[in-house]
Amino acid sequence: MNDHFKIPSALWEGMQRVGLARHQVLAHAKLSLRLVQDDAPISTAQFFALWRAMVVVSGDPHIGLWIATELDGGVMPPSFLAAYHARDYRDALQRVARFKRLCAPEEIRIEEHADHASVQLHWLHAEEAELPPALVEASLASLMELGRSGTSAPLHPVFVSLTRPSEDPVVLERYFGCPVQFGAAHNGMTLRVADLAKPFVQYNSELLQILDQALQTQVDAQAHRATLSEQIRWILRRRLTAGRPDIRSIASELAMSERSLQRRLTEEGVRFQDLLSQSRHQLALEYLRDRQFSLIEVAFMLGYEDQNSFFRAFRQWEFRTPSEWRADHKADSGVNT
């Protein structure tokens, strides 16, 4: 997905409701007021700077939490619009995950297990290990507000996981109603499967069908506008764990010949091997932050035939070994070794 997106109007509304002046926030983030006037797109890095500026200007580290609790379904972005009329909490979360790309290059990954489900936040173009804490809190709180409003029940997770270092958890534990784990491998929360099945009081199948069709049309149009290299990066991230994808298999998935794919990439000024290397590099950093994976497992998940090949590639990327990088970023990883 493209790294440039428009600032959701819901964010400006939320800032206004908590008493934040947008011109002060933009100035501290070193962003032009014309971004608002022209409704111009910004990058992930600029968006992160905006959230950090909100904390500084407000003087409140939990400003993201309060912004999320001030908003309602009527002003939320498209990814939440259909969710408020979903069948149940599970359906609502799945719809948010499905349409999130219309708002920002962020993924919401949902995995169900026997009696619990994990919900994780991932930004596709994040160049830093630590996401802005206020943004993480706002994202998780908005998903929690969706469930509480939709079911009219006092839902709370089993626990909340945050990658940032330990701090006083009182405010967060009071809001979420559960323990908060710091120094985790991912930002997210664990929910009870039983809560996912709770019905939404505003469920409307006819309206849902209309909204769903409109949003899917936007998703399809966005995918059509994506450059070929962006589509290949997405496919590579998905297929690397199944082995080493080559240009022939990628061309087949895109329903074009290998020669046509090479020509299109040349027109965009990129090489397939560079896209493969960049995808592996990004995934390698994500996997290494999760200390439950051994170095051999990381090499395998990246499609390398042996650990030495992975080590040589990593030295070219980071000028040090995977072990040295992992040791330097211990604070960004989980507590497991």
C-alpha atoms as a PDB file:
ATOM      1  CA  MET A   1       0.000   0.000   0.000  1.00  0.00           C
ATOM      2  CA  ASN A   2       1.184   3.522  -0.799  1.00  0.00           C
ATOM      3  CA  ASP A   3       2.910   5.383   2.036  1.00  0.00           C
ATOM      4  CA  HIS A   4       0.980   8.611   1.440  1.00  0.00           C
ATOM      5  CA  PHE A   5      -2.534   9.031   2.815  1.00  0.00           C
ATOM      6  CA  LYS A   6      -4.838  11.802   3.934  1.00  0.00           C
ATOM      7  CA  ILE A   7      -5.248  12.682   7.592  1.00  0.00           C
ATOM      8  CA  PRO A   8      -8.656  11.307   8.703  1.00  0.00           C
ATOM      9  CA  SER A   9     -11.163  14.057   9.392  1.00  0.00           C
ATOM     10  CA  ALA A  10     -12.060  12.170  12.573  1.00  0.00           C
ATOM     11  CA  LEU A  11      -8.637  13.031  13.980  1.00  0.00           C
ATOM     12  CA  TRP A  12      -9.221  16.762  13.575  1.00  0.00           C
ATOM     13  CA  GLU A  13     -12.652  16.335  15.157  1.00  0.00           C
ATOM     14  CA  GLY A  14     -11.145  14.402  18.057  1.00  0.00           C
ATOM     15  CA  MET A  15      -8.474  17.047  18.613  1.00  0.00           C
ATOM     16  CA  GLN A  16     -11.137  19.727  18.718  1.00  0.00           C
ATOM     17  CA  ARG A  17     -13.204  17.792  21.247  1.00  0.00           C
ATOM     18  CA  VAL A  18     -10.265  17.469  23.650  1.00  0.00           C
ATOM     19  CA  GLY A  19      -9.302  21.130  23.212  1.00  0.00           C
ATOM     20  CA  LEU A  20      -6.202  20.790  21.014  1.00  0.00           C
ATOM     21  CA  ALA A  21      -5.522  23.563  18.504  1.00  0.00           C
ATOM     22  CA  ARG A  22      -4.521  21.996  15.198  1.00  0.00           C
ATOM     23  CA  HIS A  23      -2.232  24.880  14.202  1.00  0.00           C
ATOM     24  CA  GLN A  24      -0.176  24.395  17.377  1.00  0.00           C
ATOM     25  CA  VAL A  25       0.089  20.657  16.814  1.00  0.00           C
ATOM     26  CA  LEU A  26       1.064  21.093  13.162  1.00  0.00           C
ATOM     27  CA  ALA A  27       3.664  23.696  14.046  1.00  0.00           C
ATOM     28  CA  HIS A  28       5.273  21.473  16.675  1.00  0.00           C
ATOM     29  CA  ALA A  29       5.276  18.558  14.234  1.00  0.00           C
ATOM     30  CA  LYS A  30       6.914  20.841  11.656  1.00  0.00           C
ATOM     31  CA  LEU A  31       4.034  20.289   9.232  1.00  0.00           C
ATOM     32  CA  SER A  32       2.489  22.991   7.076  1.00  0.00           C
ATOM     33  CA  LEU A  33      -1.021  24.272   7.739  1.00  0.00           C
ATOM     34  CA  ARG A  34      -1.583  23.783   4.002  1.00  0.00           C
ATOM     35  CA  LEU A  35      -1.878  20.064   4.758  1.00  0.00           C
ATOM     36  CA  VAL A  36      -5.248  20.892   6.278  1.00  0.00           C
ATOM     37  CA  GLN A  37      -6.240  23.578   3.810  1.00  0.00           C
ATOM     38  CA  ASP A  38      -5.402  21.470   0.739  1.00  0.00           C
ATOM     39  CA  ASP A  39      -6.328  18.096   2.282  1.00  0.00           C
ATOM     40  CA  ALA A  40      -2.916  16.908   1.094  1.00  0.00           C
ATOM     41  CA  PRO A  41      -1.572  13.400   1.788  1.00  0.00           C
ATOM     42  CA  ILE A  42       1.224  12.827   4.289  1.00  0.00           C
ATOM     43  CA  SER A  43       3.696  10.016   4.924  1.00  0.00           C
ATOM     44  CA  THR A  44       3.722   7.571   7.813  1.00  0.00           C
ATOM     45  CA  ALA A  45       6.688   9.397   9.341  1.00  0.00           C
ATOM     46  CA  GLN A  46       4.784  12.717   9.222  1.00  0.00           C
ATOM     47  CA  PHE A  47       1.699  11.087  10.711  1.00  0.00           C
ATOM     48  CA  PHE A  48       3.790   9.719  13.583  1.00  0.00           C
ATOM     49  CA  ALA A  49       5.279  13.189  14.131  1.00  0.00           C
ATOM     50  CA  LEU A  50       1.740  14.567  14.357  1.00  0.00           C
ATOM     51  CA  TRP A  51       0.826  12.128  17.139  1.00  0.00           C
ATOM     52  CA  ARG A  52       3.992  12.867  19.092  1.00  0.00           C
ATOM     53  CA  ALA A  53       3.307  16.581  18.769  1.00  0.00           C
ATOM     54  CA  MET A  54      -0.172  16.097  20.247  1.00  0.00           C
ATOM     55  CA  VAL A  55       1.384  14.674  23.404  1.00  0.00           C
ATOM     56  CA  VAL A  56       3.800  17.584  23.734  1.00  0.00           C
ATOM     57  CA  VAL A  57       1.207  20.298  23.065  1.00  0.00           C
ATOM     58  CA  SER A  58      -1.391  18.739  25.379  1.00  0.00           C
ATOM     59  CA  GLY A  59       1.090  17.746  28.068  1.00  0.00           C
ATOM     60  CA  ASP A  60      -0.860  14.502  28.436  1.00  0.00           C
ATOM     61  CA  PRO A  61       0.797  11.175  27.468  1.00  0.00           C
ATOM     62  CA  HIS A  62      -2.647   9.558  27.210  1.00  0.00           C
ATOM     63  CA  ILE A  63      -4.138  12.129  24.841  1.00  0.00           C
ATOM     64  CA  GLY A  64      -4.740   9.380  22.266  1.00  0.00           C
ATOM     65  CA  LEU A  65      -6.924   7.507  24.719  1.00  0.00           C
ATOM     66  CA  TRP A  66      -9.105  10.560  25.363  1.00  0.00           C
ATOM     67  CA  ILE A  67      -9.438  11.375  21.657  1.00  0.00           C
ATOM     68  CA  ALA A  68     -10.669   7.845  20.940  1.00  0.00           C
ATOM     69  CA  THR A  69     -13.242   7.939  23.737  1.00  0.00           C
ATOM     70  CA  GLU A  70     -14.600  11.308  22.560  1.00  0.00           C
ATOM     71  CA  LEU A  71     -15.415  10.084  19.065  1.00  0.00           C
ATOM     72  CA  ASP A  72     -18.514   8.223  17.938  1.00  0.00           C
ATOM     73  CA  GLY A  73     -19.592   6.209  14.911  1.00  0.00           C
ATOM     74  CA  GLY A  74     -20.954   9.262  13.119  1.00  0.00           C
ATOM     75  CA  VAL A  75     -17.541  10.840  12.667  1.00  0.00           C
ATOM     76  CA  MET A  76     -15.341   7.766  12.370  1.00  0.00           C
ATOM     77  CA  PRO A  77     -13.453   6.987   9.111  1.00  0.00           C
ATOM     78  CA  PRO A  78     -14.787   4.579   6.450  1.00  0.00           C
ATOM     79  CA  SER A  79     -13.083   1.544   8.007  1.00  0.00           C
ATOM     80  CA  PHE A  80     -15.338   1.971  11.066  1.00  0.00           C
ATOM     81  CA  LEU A  81     -18.490   3.119   9.318  1.00  0.00           C
ATOM     82  CA  ALA A  82     -19.814  -0.310   8.377  1.00  0.00           C
ATOM     83  CA  ALA A  83     -18.476  -1.902  11.561  1.00  0.00           C
ATOM     84  CA  TYR A  84     -20.974  -0.106  13.799  1.00  0.00           C
ATOM     85  CA  HIS A  85     -23.810  -1.903  11.982  1.00  0.00           C
ATOM     86  CA  ALA A  86     -22.127  -5.335  11.980  1.00  0.00           C
ATOM     87  CA  ARG A  87     -23.751  -8.558  13.156  1.00  0.00           C
ATOM     88  CA  ASP A  88     -21.479  -8.992  16.196  1.00  0.00           C
ATOM     89  CA  TYR A  89     -18.131  -7.886  17.620  1.00  0.00           C
ATOM     90  CA  ARG A  90     -16.224 -10.447  15.534  1.00  0.00           C
ATOM     91  CA  ASP A  91     -17.871  -9.244  12.341  1.00  0.00           C
ATOM     92  CA  ALA A  92     -17.165  -5.628  13.295  1.00  0.00           C
ATOM     93  CA  LEU A  93     -13.449  -6.217  13.905  1.00  0.00           C
ATOM     94  CA  GLN A  94     -13.108  -8.154  10.678  1.00  0.00           C
ATOM     95  CA  ARG A  95     -14.701  -5.315   8.740  1.00  0.00           C
ATOM     96  CA  VAL A  96     -12.382  -2.756  10.319  1.00  0.00           C
ATOM     97  CA  ALA A  97      -9.394  -4.915   9.377  1.00  0.00           C
ATOM     98  CA  ARG A  98     -10.713  -5.362   5.852  1.00  0.00           C
ATOM     99  CA  PHE A  99     -11.316  -1.668   5.148  1.00  0.00           C
ATOM    100  CA  LYS A 100      -8.524  -0.137   7.236  1.00  0.00           C
ATOM    101  CA  ARG A 101      -6.389   0.322   4.134  1.00  0.00           C
ATOM    102  CA  LEU A 102      -8.806   3.023   2.954  1.00  0.00           C
ATOM    103  CA  CYS A 103      -7.573   5.249   5.784  1.00  0.00           C
ATOM    104  CA  ALA A 104      -3.896   4.456   6.330  1.00  0.00           C
ATOM    105  CA  PRO A 105      -1.184   1.854   5.575  1.00  0.00           C
ATOM    106  CA  GLU A 106      -1.970  -0.021   8.774  1.00  0.00           C
ATOM    107  CA  GLU A 107      -2.846  -3.680   9.227  1.00  0.00           C
ATOM    108  CA  ILE A 108      -5.060  -5.068  11.970  1.00  0.00           C
ATOM    109  CA  ARG A 109      -4.318  -8.765  12.319  1.00  0.00           C
ATOM    110  CA  ILE A 110      -6.865 -10.961  14.088  1.00  0.00           C
ATOM    111  CA  GLU A 111      -6.111 -14.528  15.109  1.00  0.00           C
ATOM    112  CA  GLU A 112      -8.585 -16.735  16.985  1.00  0.00           C
ATOM    113  CA  HIS A 113      -7.578 -19.596  19.233  1.00  0.00           C
ATOM    114  CA  ALA A 114      -9.518 -21.932  21.516  1.00  0.00           C
ATOM    115  CA  ASP A 115     -10.943 -19.400  23.949  1.00  0.00           C
ATOM    116  CA  HIS A 116      -9.177 -16.146  23.105  1.00  0.00           C
ATOM    117  CA  ALA A 117      -8.281 -13.998  20.108  1.00  0.00           C
ATOM    118  CA  SER A 118      -5.313 -11.697  19.524  1.00  0.00           C
ATOM    119  CA  VAL A 119      -5.661  -8.337  17.798  1.00  0.00           C
ATOM    120  CA  GLN A 120      -2.373  -6.805  16.645  1.00  0.00           C
ATOM    121  CA  LEU A 121      -1.511  -3.444  15.096  1.00  0.00           C
ATOM    122  CA  HIS A 122       1.095  -3.209  12.326  1.00  0.00           C
ATOM    123  CA  TRP A 123       2.119  -0.159  10.282  1.00  0.00           C
ATOM    124  CA  LEU A 124       3.477  -1.230   6.895  1.00  0.00           C
ATOM    125  CA  HIS A 125       5.864   1.694   6.344  1.00  0.00           C
ATOM    126  CA  ALA A 126       7.065   2.325   9.896  1.00  0.00           C
ATOM    127  CA  GLU A 127      10.777   3.123   9.804  1.00  0.00           C
ATOM    128  CA  GLU A 128      11.184   2.987  13.565  1.00  0.00           C
ATOM    129  CA  ALA A 129      10.788   0.192  16.064  1.00  0.00           C
ATOM    130  CA  GLU A 130       8.514   2.090  18.466  1.00  0.00           C
ATOM    131  CA  LEU A 131       5.188   3.449  17.273  1.00  0.00           C
ATOM    132  CA  PRO A 132       3.939   6.671  18.908  1.00  0.00           C
ATOM    133  CA  PRO A 133       2.370   5.509  22.202  1.00  0.00           C
ATOM    134  CA  ALA A 134      -0.545   7.922  21.846  1.00  0.00           C
ATOM    135  CA  LEU A 135      -1.388   6.498  18.418  1.00  0.00           C
ATOM    136  CA  VAL A 136      -1.268   2.925  19.729  1.00  0.00           C
ATOM    137  CA  GLU A 137      -3.543   3.800  22.654  1.00  0.00           C
ATOM    138  CA  ALA A 138      -5.982   5.604  20.348  1.00  0.00           C
ATOM    139  CA  SER A 139      -6.101   2.648  17.937  1.00  0.00           C
ATOM    140  CA  LEU A 140      -6.707   0.044  20.636  1.00  0.00           C
ATOM    141  CA  ALA A 141      -9.212   2.257  22.451  1.00  0.00           C
ATOM    142  CA  SER A 142     -11.164   2.864  19.227  1.00  0.00           C
ATOM    143  CA  LEU A 143     -11.510  -0.910  18.764  1.00  0.00           C
ATOM    144  CA  MET A 144     -12.586  -1.231  22.384  1.00  0.00           C
ATOM    145  CA  GLU A 145     -15.097   1.614  22.041  1.00  0.00           C
ATOM    146  CA  LEU A 146     -16.480  -0.103  18.943  1.00  0.00           C
ATOM    147  CA  GLY A 147     -17.164  -3.275  20.932  1.00  0.00           C
ATOM    148  CA  ARG A 148     -18.593  -1.527  23.972  1.00  0.00           C
ATOM    149  CA  SER A 149     -20.846   0.736  21.921  1.00  0.00           C
ATOM    150  CA  GLY A 150     -21.931  -1.995  19.536  1.00  0.00           C
ATOM    151  CA  THR A 151     -22.813  -4.569  22.199  1.00  0.00           C
ATOM    152  CA  SER A 152     -23.902  -2.098  24.906  1.00  0.00           C
ATOM    153  CA  ALA A 153     -21.865  -4.237  27.284  1.00  0.00           C
ATOM    154  CA  PRO A 154     -18.885  -3.337  29.534  1.00  0.00           C
ATOM    155  CA  LEU A 155     -16.335  -5.355  27.518  1.00  0.00           C
ATOM    156  CA  HIS A 156     -12.698  -5.535  28.548  1.00  0.00           C
ATOM    157  CA  PRO A 157      -9.757  -7.523  27.133  1.00  0.00           C
ATOM    158  CA  VAL A 158      -7.926 -10.350  28.870  1.00  0.00           C
ATOM    159  CA  PHE A 159      -4.807  -8.176  28.673  1.00  0.00           C
ATOM    160  CA  VAL A 160      -3.259  -5.411  26.568  1.00  0.00           C
ATOM    161  CA  SER A 161       0.251  -5.773  25.073  1.00  0.00           C
ATOM    162  CA  LEU A 162       2.503  -2.781  24.386  1.00  0.00           C
ATOM    163  CA  THR A 163       6.021  -2.822  22.955  1.00  0.00           C
ATOM    164  CA  ARG A 164       7.166   0.265  24.846  1.00  0.00           C
ATOM    165  CA  PRO A 165       9.127   0.015  28.124  1.00  0.00           C
ATOM    166  CA  SER A 166       7.338  -0.375  31.413  1.00  0.00           C
ATOM    167  CA  GLU A 167       5.582   2.631  32.936  1.00  0.00           C
ATOM    168  CA  ASP A 168       2.813   3.360  35.428  1.00  0.00           C
ATOM    169  CA  PRO A 169      -0.142   1.327  34.087  1.00  0.00           C
ATOM    170  CA  VAL A 170      -2.875   2.824  36.269  1.00  0.00           C
ATOM    171  CA  VAL A 171      -4.588   4.973  33.606  1.00  0.00           C
ATOM    172  CA  LEU A 172      -4.527   2.254  30.958  1.00  0.00           C
ATOM    173  CA  GLU A 173      -5.633  -0.518  33.313  1.00  0.00           C
ATOM    174  CA  ARG A 174      -8.502   1.634  34.542  1.00  0.00           C
ATOM    175  CA  TYR A 175      -9.736   2.256  30.991  1.00  0.00           C
ATOM    176  CA  PHE A 176      -9.252  -1.238  29.527  1.00  0.00           C
ATOM    177  CA  GLY A 177     -10.187  -3.024  32.765  1.00  0.00           C
ATOM    178  CA  CYS A 178      -7.369  -5.562  32.489  1.00  0.00           C
ATOM    179  CA  PRO A 179      -3.608  -5.968  33.058  1.00  0.00           C
ATOM    180  CA  VAL A 180      -1.221  -4.172  30.677  1.00  0.00           C
ATOM    181  CA  GLN A 181       1.973  -5.927  29.591  1.00  0.00           C
ATOM    182  CA  PHE A 182       4.902  -3.731  28.576  1.00  0.00           C
ATOM    183  CA  GLY A 183       7.956  -4.748  26.570  1.00  0.00           C
ATOM    184  CA  ALA A 184       5.852  -7.086  24.424  1.00  0.00           C
ATOM    185  CA  ALA A 185       6.701  -8.233  20.908  1.00  0.00           C
ATOM    186  CA  HIS A 186       3.638  -6.528  19.387  1.00  0.00           C
ATOM    187  CA  ASN A 187       1.119  -3.804  20.124  1.00  0.00           C
ATOM    188  CA  GLY A 188      -2.303  -5.328  20.580  1.00  0.00           C
ATOM    189  CA  MET A 189      -4.794  -6.891  22.924  1.00  0.00           C
ATOM    190  CA  THR A 190      -6.162 -10.324  23.697  1.00  0.00           C
ATOM    191  CA  LEU A 191      -9.948 -10.738  23.726  1.00  0.00           C
ATOM    192  CA  ARG A 192     -12.277 -13.499  24.848  1.00  0.00           C
ATOM    193  CA  VAL A 193     -13.784 -15.446  21.957  1.00  0.00           C
ATOM    194  CA  ALA A 194     -17.085 -15.406  23.842  1.00  0.00           C
ATOM    195  CA  ASP A 195     -17.072 -11.597  23.637  1.00  0.00           C
ATOM    196  CA  LEU A 196     -16.534 -11.701  19.882  1.00  0.00           C
ATOM    197  CA  ALA A 197     -19.847 -13.519  19.476  1.00  0.00           C
ATOM    198  CA  LYS A 198     -21.847 -10.847  21.328  1.00  0.00           C
ATOM    199  CA  PRO A 199     -24.416  -9.290  18.956  1.00  0.00           C
ATOM    200  CA  PHE A 200     -24.476  -5.612  18.005  1.00  0.00           C
ATOM    201  CA  VAL A 201     -27.632  -3.723  18.934  1.00  0.00           C
ATOM    202  CA  GLN A 202     -27.497  -1.570  15.765  1.00  0.00           C
ATOM    203  CA  TYR A 203     -27.142  -4.507  13.383  1.00  0.00           C
ATOM    204  CA  ASN A 204     -28.724  -3.617  10.046  1.00  0.00           C
ATOM    205  CA  SER A 205     -28.224  -6.161   7.270  1.00  0.00           C
ATOM    206  CA  GLU A 206     -29.617  -3.973   4.478  1.00  0.00           C
ATOM    207  CA  LEU A 207     -27.559  -0.915   5.387  1.00  0.00           C
ATOM    208  CA  LEU A 208     -24.538  -3.151   5.935  1.00  0.00           C
ATOM    209  CA  GLN A 209     -24.837  -4.558   2.432  1.00  0.00           C
ATOM    210  CA  ILE A 210     -24.960  -1.062   0.924  1.00  0.00           C
ATOM    211  CA  LEU A 211     -21.974   0.179   2.940  1.00  0.00           C
ATOM    212  CA  ASP A 212     -20.014  -2.988   2.324  1.00  0.00           C
ATOM    213  CA  GLN A 213     -20.450  -2.736  -1.438  1.00  0.00           C
ATOM    214  CA  ALA A 214     -19.459   0.943  -1.485  1.00  0.00           C
ATOM    215  CA  LEU A 215     -16.366   0.374   0.641  1.00  0.00           C
ATOM    216  CA  GLN A 216     -15.290  -2.676  -1.361  1.00  0.00           C
ATOM    217  CA  THR A 217     -15.547  -0.606  -4.537  1.00  0.00           C
ATOM    218  CA  GLN A 218     -13.128   1.882  -2.972  1.00  0.00           C
ATOM    219  CA  VAL A 219     -10.750  -0.912  -1.953  1.00  0.00           C
ATOM    220  CA  ASP A 220     -10.779  -2.354  -5.469  1.00  0.00           C
ATOM    221  CA  ALA A 221     -10.135   1.076  -6.981  1.00  0.00           C
ATOM    222  CA  GLN A 222      -7.258   1.644  -4.573  1.00  0.00           C
ATOM    223  CA  ALA A 223      -5.729  -1.712  -5.473  1.00  0.00           C
ATOM    224  CA  HIS A 224      -6.014  -0.857  -9.169  1.00  0.00           C
ATOM    225  CA  ARG A 225      -4.141   2.408  -8.590  1.00  0.00           C
ATOM    226  CA  ALA A 226      -1.310   0.688  -6.706  1.00  0.00           C
ATOM    227  CA  THR A 227       1.965   0.493  -8.571  1.00  0.00           C
ATOM    228  CA  LEU A 228       3.181  -2.893  -9.676  1.00  0.00           C
ATOM    229  CA  SER A 229       6.119  -2.750  -7.273  1.00  0.00           C
ATOM    230  CA  GLU A 230       3.735  -2.154  -4.349  1.00  0.00           C
ATOM    231  CA  GLN A 231       1.657  -5.162  -5.363  1.00  0.00           C
ATOM    232  CA  ILE A 232       4.795  -7.299  -5.586  1.00  0.00           C
ATOM    233  CA  ARG A 233       5.953  -6.198  -2.127  1.00  0.00           C
ATOM    234  CA  TRP A 234       2.592  -7.269  -0.699  1.00  0.00           C
ATOM    235  CA  ILE A 235       2.787 -10.663  -2.417  1.00  0.00           C
ATOM    236  CA  LEU A 236       6.382 -11.175  -1.282  1.00  0.00           C
ATOM    237  CA  ARG A 237       5.516 -10.515   2.362  1.00  0.00           C
ATOM    238  CA  ARG A 238       2.759 -13.099   2.149  1.00  0.00           C
ATOM    239  CA  ARG A 239       4.717 -15.761   0.291  1.00  0.00           C
ATOM    240  CA  LEU A 240       8.215 -15.584   1.777  1.00  0.00           C
ATOM    241  CA  THR A 241       7.429 -18.032   4.578  1.00  0.00           C
ATOM    242  CA  ALA A 242       6.482 -20.660   2.000  1.00  0.00           C
ATOM    243  CA  GLY A 243       9.903 -20.582   0.353  1.00  0.00           C
ATOM    244  CA  ARG A 244      11.842 -18.344  -1.978  1.00  0.00           C
ATOM    245  CA  PRO A 245       9.392 -16.764  -4.433  1.00  0.00           C
ATOM    246  CA  ASP A 246      10.876 -16.129  -7.872  1.00  0.00           C
ATOM    247  CA  ILE A 247       9.833 -13.683 -10.536  1.00  0.00           C
ATOM    248  CA  ARG A 248       8.122 -16.403 -12.560  1.00  0.00           C
ATOM    249  CA  SER A 249       5.769 -17.370  -9.711  1.00  0.00           C
ATOM    250  CA  ILE A 250       5.033 -13.707  -8.943  1.00  0.00           C
ATOM    251  CA  ALA A 251       4.218 -13.038 -12.603  1.00  0.00           C
ATOM    252  CA  SER A 252       1.883 -16.027 -12.615  1.00  0.00           C
ATOM    253  CA  GLU A 253       0.013 -14.734  -9.542  1.00  0.00           C
ATOM    254  CA  LEU A 254      -0.353 -11.336 -11.208  1.00  0.00           C
ATOM    255  CA  ALA A 255      -1.673 -13.041 -14.374  1.00  0.00           C
ATOM    256  CA  MET A 256       1.053 -11.696 -16.663  1.00  0.00           C
ATOM    257  CA  SER A 257       4.111 -13.073 -18.429  1.00  0.00           C
ATOM    258  CA  GLU A 258       7.560 -12.881 -16.897  1.00  0.00           C
ATOM    259  CA  ARG A 259       8.692 -10.629 -19.757  1.00  0.00           C
ATOM    260  CA  SER A 260       5.769  -8.224 -19.209  1.00  0.00           C
ATOM    261  CA  LEU A 261       6.522  -8.091 -15.493  1.00  0.00           C
ATOM    262  CA  GLN A 262      10.182  -7.284 -16.154  1.00  0.00           C
ATOM    263  CA  ARG A 263       9.192  -4.550 -18.599  1.00  0.00           C
ATOM    264  CA  ARG A 264       6.699  -2.976 -16.173  1.00  0.00           C
ATOM    265  CA  LEU A 265       9.252  -2.971 -13.368  1.00  0.00           C
ATOM    266  CA  THR A 266      11.821  -1.343 -15.655  1.00  0.00           C
ATOM    267  CA  GLU A 267       9.293   1.388 -16.409  1.00  0.00           C
ATOM    268  CA  GLU A 268       8.915   1.983 -12.665  1.00  0.00           C
ATOM    269  CA  GLY A 269      12.701   2.042 -12.249  1.00  0.00           C
ATOM    270  CA  VAL A 270      12.970  -0.929  -9.887  1.00  0.00           C
ATOM    271  CA  ARG A 271      14.388  -4.465 -10.012  1.00  0.00           C
ATOM    272  CA  PHE A 272      12.694  -7.604  -8.744  1.00  0.00           C
ATOM    273  CA  GLN A 273      15.741  -8.646  -6.698  1.00  0.00           C
ATOM    274  CA  ASP A 274      15.737  -5.252  -4.966  1.00  0.00           C
ATOM    275  CA  LEU A 275      12.055  -5.667  -4.028  1.00  0.00           C
ATOM    276  CA  LEU A 276      12.802  -9.160  -2.695  1.00  0.00           C
ATOM    277  CA  SER A 277      15.742  -7.877  -0.657  1.00  0.00           C
ATOM    278  CA  GLN A 278      13.750  -4.939   0.749  1.00  0.00           C
ATOM    279  CA  SER A 279      10.872  -7.223   1.757  1.00  0.00           C
ATOM    280  CA  ARG A 280      13.234  -9.633   3.472  1.00  0.00           C
ATOM    281  CA  HIS A 281      14.984  -6.790   5.262  1.00  0.00           C
ATOM    282  CA  GLN A 282      11.733  -5.368   6.634  1.00  0.00           C
ATOM    283  CA  LEU A 283      10.446  -8.787   7.705  1.00  0.00           C
ATOM    284  CA  ALA A 284      13.808  -9.690   9.252  1.00  0.00           C
ATOM    285  CA  LEU A 285      13.607  -6.705  11.611  1.00  0.00           C
ATOM    286  CA  GLU A 286      10.035  -7.605  12.557  1.00  0.00           C
ATOM    287  CA  TYR A 287      10.927 -11.235  13.269  1.00  0.00           C
ATOM    288  CA  LEU A 288      14.084 -10.377  15.221  1.00  0.00           C
ATOM    289  CA  ARG A 289      12.094  -8.134  17.563  1.00  0.00           C
ATOM    290  CA  ASP A 290      10.047 -11.187  18.494  1.00  0.00           C
ATOM    291  CA  ARG A 291      12.410 -13.178  20.706  1.00  0.00           C
ATOM    292  CA  GLN A 292      10.332 -16.335  20.498  1.00  0.00           C
ATOM    293  CA  PHE A 293      11.906 -16.932  17.066  1.00  0.00           C
ATOM    294  CA  SER A 294      15.420 -18.344  16.902  1.00  0.00           C
ATOM    295  CA  LEU A 295      17.828 -17.052  14.262  1.00  0.00           C
ATOM    296  CA  ILE A 296      17.479 -20.306  12.336  1.00  0.00           C
ATOM    297  CA  GLU A 297      13.680 -19.913  12.336  1.00  0.00           C
ATOM    298  CA  VAL A 298      13.980 -16.316  11.113  1.00  0.00           C
ATOM    299  CA  ALA A 299      16.235 -17.431   8.255  1.00  0.00           C
ATOM    300  CA  PHE A 300      13.737 -20.133   7.295  1.00  0.00           C
ATOM    301  CA  MET A 301      10.743 -17.770   7.420  1.00  0.00           C
ATOM    302  CA  LEU A 302      12.578 -15.393   5.091  1.00  0.00           C
ATOM    303  CA  GLY A 303      13.080 -18.141   2.537  1.00  0.00           C
ATOM    304  CA  TYR A 304      16.823 -18.689   3.011  1.00  0.00           C
ATOM    305  CA  GLU A 305      18.178 -22.180   2.506  1.00  0.00           C
ATOM    306  CA  ASP A 306      20.646 -21.866   5.375  1.00  0.00           C
ATOM    307  CA  GLN A 307      21.503 -19.565   8.271  1.00  0.00           C
ATOM    308  CA  ASN A 308      24.801 -18.374   6.737  1.00  0.00           C
ATOM    309  CA  SER A 309      23.036 -16.953   3.680  1.00  0.00           C
ATOM    310  CA  PHE A 310      20.747 -14.979   5.974  1.00  0.00           C
ATOM    311  CA  PHE A 311      23.720 -13.713   8.030  1.00  0.00           C
ATOM    312  CA  ARG A 312      25.532 -12.476   4.905  1.00  0.00           C
ATOM    313  CA  ALA A 313      22.443 -10.643   3.666  1.00  0.00           C
ATOM    314  CA  PHE A 314      21.775  -9.103   7.085  1.00  0.00           C
ATOM    315  CA  ARG A 315      25.332  -7.767   7.325  1.00  0.00           C
ATOM    316  CA  GLN A 316      24.778  -5.966   4.035  1.00  0.00           C
ATOM    317  CA  TRP A 317      21.573  -4.422   5.362  1.00  0.00           C
ATOM    318  CA  GLU A 318      22.558  -3.475   8.899  1.00  0.00           C
ATOM    319  CA  PHE A 319      26.395  -3.797   8.938  1.00  0.00           C
ATOM    320  CA  ARG A 320      26.205  -6.210  11.887  1.00  0.00           C
ATOM    321  CA  THR A 321      25.002  -9.700  12.664  1.00  0.00           C
ATOM    322  CA  PRO A 322      21.367 -10.546  13.502  1.00  0.00           C
ATOM    323  CA  SER A 323      22.479 -11.420  17.054  1.00  0.00           C
ATOM    324  CA  GLU A 324      24.118  -8.018  17.519  1.00  0.00           C
ATOM    325  CA  TRP A 325      21.046  -6.226  16.131  1.00  0.00           C
ATOM    326  CA  ARG A 326      18.723  -8.193  18.408  1.00  0.00           C
ATOM    327  CA  ALA A 327      20.889  -7.388  21.442  1.00  0.00           C
ATOM    328  CA  ASP A 328      20.863  -3.668  20.595  1.00  0.00           C
ATOM    329  CA  HIS A 329      17.051  -3.728  20.299  1.00  0.00           C
ATOM    330  CA  LYS A 330      16.313  -5.826  23.346  1.00  0.00           C
ATOM    331  CA  ALA A 331      14.001  -3.151  24.736  1.00  0.00           C
ATOM    332  CA  ASP A 332      11.842  -3.418  21.619  1.00  0.00           C
ATOM    333  CA  SER A 333      11.394  -7.169  22.004  1.00  0.00           C
ATOM    334  CA  GLY A 334       9.347  -9.397  24.235  1.00  0.00           C
ATOM    335  CA  VAL A 335      10.710 -10.738  27.495  1.00  0.00           C
ATOM    336  CA  ASN A 336      11.078 -14.303  26.246  1.00  0.00           C
ATOM    337  CA  THR A 337      14.477 -15.546  25.236  1.00  0.00           C
END
